[in-house]
Amino acid sequence: TYYAPGLGSCGTTSSDSDAIVALSHVNMQAASTGANPNANPLCNKGISISYKGKTVKATVIDTCPGCAENGLDLSPSLFEELAPLSEGRLFDVTWTWTS
């Protein structure tokens, strides 16, 4: 899915045009090393997202509270690089860490 970025849990403010994602709360909580979400080791990590032969790169800057494990919320512009916003939710998306 996509979401309206703003101040993310990693302490970074982003906009619709940024290549960013919110990663599932399950993943973010599992990696957490303390009470400060800005210090999460997954913050600012790079990922590569693939869908139907298209691949985009993004940075983790937020937590997705409604996403299942390994789920992502994408910025609108990043989502549009993969599919029209009207699709709303994409299935069979794969992603890997790049950094």
N, C-alpha and C. Protein backbone atom coordinates (compact mmCIF):
# COMPACT_ATOMS: atom_id res chain seq x y z
N THR A 1 0.84 -1.18 0.00
CA THR A 1 0.00 0.00 0.00
C THR A 1 0.88 1.24 0.00
N TYR A 2 0.25 2.39 -0.03
CA TYR A 2 1.00 3.64 0.08
C TYR A 2 0.39 4.47 1.20
N TYR A 3 1.15 5.46 1.66
CA TYR A 3 0.69 6.28 2.77
C TYR A 3 1.18 7.71 2.60
N ALA A 4 0.68 8.59 3.43
CA ALA A 4 1.09 10.00 3.40
C ALA A 4 2.25 10.19 4.37
N PRO A 5 3.47 10.31 3.86
CA PRO A 5 4.63 10.49 4.74
C PRO A 5 4.57 11.81 5.51
N GLY A 6 5.32 11.86 6.54
CA GLY A 6 5.47 13.05 7.38
C GLY A 6 6.68 12.79 8.26
N LEU A 7 6.53 13.04 9.55
CA LEU A 7 7.60 12.73 10.49
C LEU A 7 7.53 11.24 10.80
N GLY A 8 8.53 10.49 10.39
CA GLY A 8 8.53 9.04 10.57
C GLY A 8 9.11 8.62 11.91
N SER A 9 8.93 7.36 12.25
CA SER A 9 9.41 6.84 13.53
C SER A 9 10.93 6.87 13.65
N CYS A 10 11.62 7.03 12.52
CA CYS A 10 13.09 7.13 12.55
C CYS A 10 13.56 8.56 12.76
N GLY A 11 12.62 9.49 12.92
CA GLY A 11 12.98 10.88 13.19
C GLY A 11 13.20 11.72 11.96
N THR A 12 12.87 11.18 10.78
CA THR A 12 13.07 11.89 9.51
C THR A 12 11.73 12.36 8.98
N THR A 13 11.68 13.60 8.52
CA THR A 13 10.47 14.12 7.88
C THR A 13 10.60 13.93 6.38
N SER A 14 9.59 13.30 5.79
CA SER A 14 9.61 12.99 4.36
C SER A 14 8.34 13.49 3.69
N SER A 15 8.38 13.53 2.36
CA SER A 15 7.23 13.99 1.58
C SER A 15 6.79 12.90 0.61
N ASP A 16 5.67 13.14 -0.06
CA ASP A 16 5.12 12.18 -1.03
C ASP A 16 6.11 11.83 -2.13
N SER A 17 7.00 12.76 -2.46
CA SER A 17 7.91 12.55 -3.58
C SER A 17 9.20 11.82 -3.20
N ASP A 18 9.40 11.53 -1.92
CA ASP A 18 10.62 10.84 -1.48
C ASP A 18 10.51 9.33 -1.69
N ALA A 19 11.62 8.70 -1.98
CA ALA A 19 11.68 7.24 -2.18
C ALA A 19 11.87 6.56 -0.83
N ILE A 20 10.78 6.51 -0.07
CA ILE A 20 10.85 5.99 1.30
C ILE A 20 9.75 4.97 1.55
N VAL A 21 9.97 4.17 2.59
CA VAL A 21 8.96 3.19 3.00
C VAL A 21 8.83 3.17 4.52
N ALA A 22 7.67 2.70 4.96
CA ALA A 22 7.44 2.34 6.35
C ALA A 22 7.45 0.81 6.38
N LEU A 23 8.27 0.24 7.24
CA LEU A 23 8.41 -1.21 7.36
C LEU A 23 7.52 -1.71 8.49
N SER A 24 7.01 -2.91 8.35
CA SER A 24 6.13 -3.52 9.33
C SER A 24 6.62 -3.33 10.77
N HIS A 25 5.66 -3.06 11.65
CA HIS A 25 5.97 -2.91 13.08
C HIS A 25 6.60 -4.18 13.63
N VAL A 26 6.26 -5.33 13.06
CA VAL A 26 6.83 -6.60 13.52
C VAL A 26 8.35 -6.59 13.31
N ASN A 27 8.78 -6.21 12.13
CA ASN A 27 10.21 -6.15 11.82
C ASN A 27 10.90 -5.07 12.63
N MET A 28 10.27 -3.91 12.71
CA MET A 28 10.89 -2.78 13.42
C MET A 28 11.04 -3.10 14.91
N GLN A 29 10.01 -3.69 15.52
CA GLN A 29 10.10 -4.02 16.94
C GLN A 29 11.14 -5.11 17.19
N ALA A 30 11.24 -6.07 16.29
CA ALA A 30 12.21 -7.16 16.47
C ALA A 30 13.65 -6.64 16.43
N ALA A 31 13.88 -5.57 15.67
CA ALA A 31 15.23 -5.03 15.54
C ALA A 31 15.55 -3.96 16.57
N SER A 32 14.52 -3.50 17.28
CA SER A 32 14.69 -2.39 18.22
C SER A 32 15.71 -2.73 19.32
N THR A 33 16.51 -1.72 19.66
CA THR A 33 17.53 -1.92 20.70
C THR A 33 17.26 -1.07 21.94
N GLY A 34 16.09 -0.45 22.00
CA GLY A 34 15.78 0.39 23.14
C GLY A 34 14.49 1.15 22.93
N ALA A 35 14.25 2.12 23.81
CA ALA A 35 12.99 2.85 23.78
C ALA A 35 12.93 3.93 22.70
N ASN A 36 14.07 4.36 22.18
CA ASN A 36 14.08 5.44 21.19
C ASN A 36 13.95 4.86 19.78
N PRO A 37 12.78 5.05 19.13
CA PRO A 37 12.61 4.49 17.78
C PRO A 37 13.56 5.10 16.75
N ASN A 38 14.06 6.31 17.03
CA ASN A 38 15.01 6.95 16.10
C ASN A 38 16.32 6.17 16.01
N ALA A 39 16.61 5.38 17.03
CA ALA A 39 17.86 4.62 17.08
C ALA A 39 17.72 3.20 16.54
N ASN A 40 16.56 2.86 15.98
CA ASN A 40 16.35 1.52 15.45
C ASN A 40 17.39 1.23 14.36
N PRO A 41 18.08 0.10 14.44
CA PRO A 41 19.12 -0.19 13.44
C PRO A 41 18.58 -0.37 12.01
N LEU A 42 17.27 -0.53 11.84
CA LEU A 42 16.71 -0.63 10.50
C LEU A 42 16.44 0.74 9.88
N CYS A 43 16.49 1.79 10.69
CA CYS A 43 16.29 3.15 10.17
C CYS A 43 17.38 3.50 9.16
N ASN A 44 16.95 4.07 8.08
CA ASN A 44 17.83 4.54 7.00
C ASN A 44 18.52 3.42 6.22
N LYS A 45 18.06 2.19 6.40
CA LYS A 45 18.58 1.07 5.61
C LYS A 45 17.95 1.12 4.22
N GLY A 46 18.71 0.72 3.23
CA GLY A 46 18.22 0.68 1.86
C GLY A 46 17.58 -0.65 1.52
N ILE A 47 16.55 -0.59 0.69
CA ILE A 47 15.93 -1.81 0.19
C ILE A 47 15.68 -1.68 -1.32
N SER A 48 15.54 -2.82 -1.95
CA SER A 48 15.19 -2.90 -3.36
C SER A 48 13.85 -3.62 -3.43
N ILE A 49 12.86 -3.00 -4.07
CA ILE A 49 11.50 -3.53 -4.14
C ILE A 49 11.19 -3.91 -5.58
N SER A 50 10.67 -5.12 -5.78
CA SER A 50 10.34 -5.58 -7.13
C SER A 50 8.87 -5.97 -7.23
N TYR A 51 8.27 -5.62 -8.38
CA TYR A 51 6.87 -5.94 -8.64
C TYR A 51 6.65 -5.98 -10.15
N LYS A 52 6.23 -7.12 -10.64
CA LYS A 52 5.90 -7.30 -12.06
C LYS A 52 6.98 -6.79 -13.00
N GLY A 53 8.22 -7.16 -12.72
CA GLY A 53 9.33 -6.80 -13.60
C GLY A 53 9.91 -5.41 -13.38
N LYS A 54 9.34 -4.64 -12.46
CA LYS A 54 9.86 -3.31 -12.15
C LYS A 54 10.56 -3.37 -10.81
N THR A 55 11.66 -2.63 -10.68
CA THR A 55 12.41 -2.59 -9.42
C THR A 55 12.71 -1.15 -9.06
N VAL A 56 12.50 -0.82 -7.78
CA VAL A 56 12.81 0.52 -7.27
C VAL A 56 13.63 0.39 -6.01
N LYS A 57 14.36 1.43 -5.69
CA LYS A 57 15.15 1.46 -4.46
C LYS A 57 14.51 2.46 -3.50
N ALA A 58 14.58 2.15 -2.21
CA ALA A 58 13.95 3.01 -1.20
C ALA A 58 14.74 2.94 0.10
N THR A 59 14.38 3.82 1.02
CA THR A 59 15.00 3.88 2.34
C THR A 59 13.92 3.71 3.40
N VAL A 60 14.19 2.88 4.41
CA VAL A 60 13.28 2.68 5.54
C VAL A 60 13.39 3.89 6.46
N ILE A 61 12.29 4.60 6.65
CA ILE A 61 12.31 5.77 7.55
C ILE A 61 11.13 5.80 8.52
N ASP A 62 10.30 4.75 8.48
CA ASP A 62 9.10 4.78 9.31
C ASP A 62 8.65 3.36 9.63
N THR A 63 7.68 3.27 10.54
CA THR A 63 7.09 2.01 10.95
C THR A 63 5.65 1.94 10.45
N CYS A 64 5.26 0.82 9.90
CA CYS A 64 3.89 0.60 9.44
C CYS A 64 3.15 -0.21 10.51
N PRO A 65 2.27 0.43 11.29
CA PRO A 65 1.59 -0.28 12.37
C PRO A 65 0.58 -1.32 11.87
N GLY A 66 0.05 -1.16 10.67
CA GLY A 66 -0.96 -2.08 10.17
C GLY A 66 -0.44 -3.13 9.22
N CYS A 67 0.87 -3.15 9.00
CA CYS A 67 1.45 -4.11 8.04
C CYS A 67 1.80 -5.43 8.72
N ALA A 68 1.58 -6.52 8.00
CA ALA A 68 2.02 -7.83 8.47
C ALA A 68 3.55 -7.88 8.40
N GLU A 69 4.13 -8.89 9.02
CA GLU A 69 5.59 -9.04 8.99
C GLU A 69 6.11 -8.96 7.56
N ASN A 70 7.17 -8.19 7.37
CA ASN A 70 7.82 -7.94 6.08
C ASN A 70 6.99 -7.07 5.14
N GLY A 71 5.85 -6.56 5.61
CA GLY A 71 5.02 -5.68 4.80
C GLY A 71 5.59 -4.28 4.73
N LEU A 72 5.24 -3.57 3.66
CA LEU A 72 5.73 -2.21 3.44
C LEU A 72 4.58 -1.27 3.11
N ASP A 73 4.70 -0.03 3.53
CA ASP A 73 3.90 1.09 3.04
C ASP A 73 4.86 1.97 2.27
N LEU A 74 4.52 2.33 1.05
CA LEU A 74 5.39 3.12 0.20
C LEU A 74 4.91 4.56 0.10
N SER A 75 5.83 5.48 -0.15
CA SER A 75 5.42 6.85 -0.46
C SER A 75 4.63 6.79 -1.77
N PRO A 76 3.71 7.74 -1.99
CA PRO A 76 2.91 7.72 -3.22
C PRO A 76 3.75 7.71 -4.49
N SER A 77 4.81 8.51 -4.54
CA SER A 77 5.62 8.56 -5.77
C SER A 77 6.34 7.24 -6.01
N LEU A 78 6.80 6.60 -4.96
CA LEU A 78 7.47 5.30 -5.09
C LEU A 78 6.47 4.24 -5.56
N PHE A 79 5.28 4.26 -4.97
CA PHE A 79 4.22 3.33 -5.37
C PHE A 79 3.91 3.48 -6.85
N GLU A 80 3.82 4.74 -7.31
CA GLU A 80 3.49 5.00 -8.71
C GLU A 80 4.57 4.53 -9.68
N GLU A 81 5.79 4.35 -9.19
CA GLU A 81 6.83 3.78 -10.05
C GLU A 81 6.58 2.30 -10.32
N LEU A 82 5.77 1.67 -9.45
CA LEU A 82 5.46 0.26 -9.60
C LEU A 82 4.07 0.01 -10.20
N ALA A 83 3.11 0.86 -9.84
CA ALA A 83 1.72 0.67 -10.28
C ALA A 83 0.94 1.96 -10.02
N PRO A 84 -0.22 2.12 -10.67
CA PRO A 84 -1.05 3.30 -10.41
C PRO A 84 -1.57 3.29 -8.96
N LEU A 85 -1.73 4.47 -8.38
CA LEU A 85 -2.25 4.56 -7.02
C LEU A 85 -3.62 3.89 -6.90
N SER A 86 -4.37 3.86 -7.98
CA SER A 86 -5.71 3.26 -7.96
C SER A 86 -5.68 1.77 -7.61
N GLU A 87 -4.53 1.11 -7.77
CA GLU A 87 -4.44 -0.30 -7.38
C GLU A 87 -4.48 -0.47 -5.87
N GLY A 88 -4.07 0.55 -5.13
CA GLY A 88 -4.18 0.55 -3.68
C GLY A 88 -3.27 -0.41 -2.94
N ARG A 89 -3.40 -1.68 -3.22
CA ARG A 89 -2.59 -2.71 -2.55
C ARG A 89 -1.98 -3.61 -3.62
N LEU A 90 -0.70 -3.87 -3.47
CA LEU A 90 0.00 -4.72 -4.43
C LEU A 90 0.32 -6.06 -3.79
N PHE A 91 0.08 -7.12 -4.53
CA PHE A 91 0.39 -8.46 -4.06
C PHE A 91 1.58 -9.00 -4.85
N ASP A 92 2.26 -9.98 -4.31
CA ASP A 92 3.44 -10.58 -4.96
C ASP A 92 4.60 -9.60 -5.11
N VAL A 93 4.70 -8.66 -4.19
CA VAL A 93 5.84 -7.75 -4.13
C VAL A 93 6.96 -8.46 -3.38
N THR A 94 8.18 -8.32 -3.85
CA THR A 94 9.33 -8.86 -3.13
C THR A 94 10.29 -7.72 -2.83
N TRP A 95 11.05 -7.86 -1.77
CA TRP A 95 12.06 -6.85 -1.46
C TRP A 95 13.24 -7.50 -0.77
N THR A 96 14.40 -6.83 -0.90
CA THR A 96 15.63 -7.29 -0.27
C THR A 96 16.39 -6.08 0.28
N TRP A 97 17.22 -6.34 1.27
CA TRP A 97 18.07 -5.28 1.82
C TRP A 97 19.19 -4.97 0.84
N THR A 98 19.50 -3.69 0.70
CA THR A 98 20.64 -3.29 -0.12
C THR A 98 21.74 -2.67 0.73
N SER A 99 21.42 -2.31 1.96
CA SER A 99 22.43 -1.75 2.88
C SER A 99 22.08 -2.09 4.30
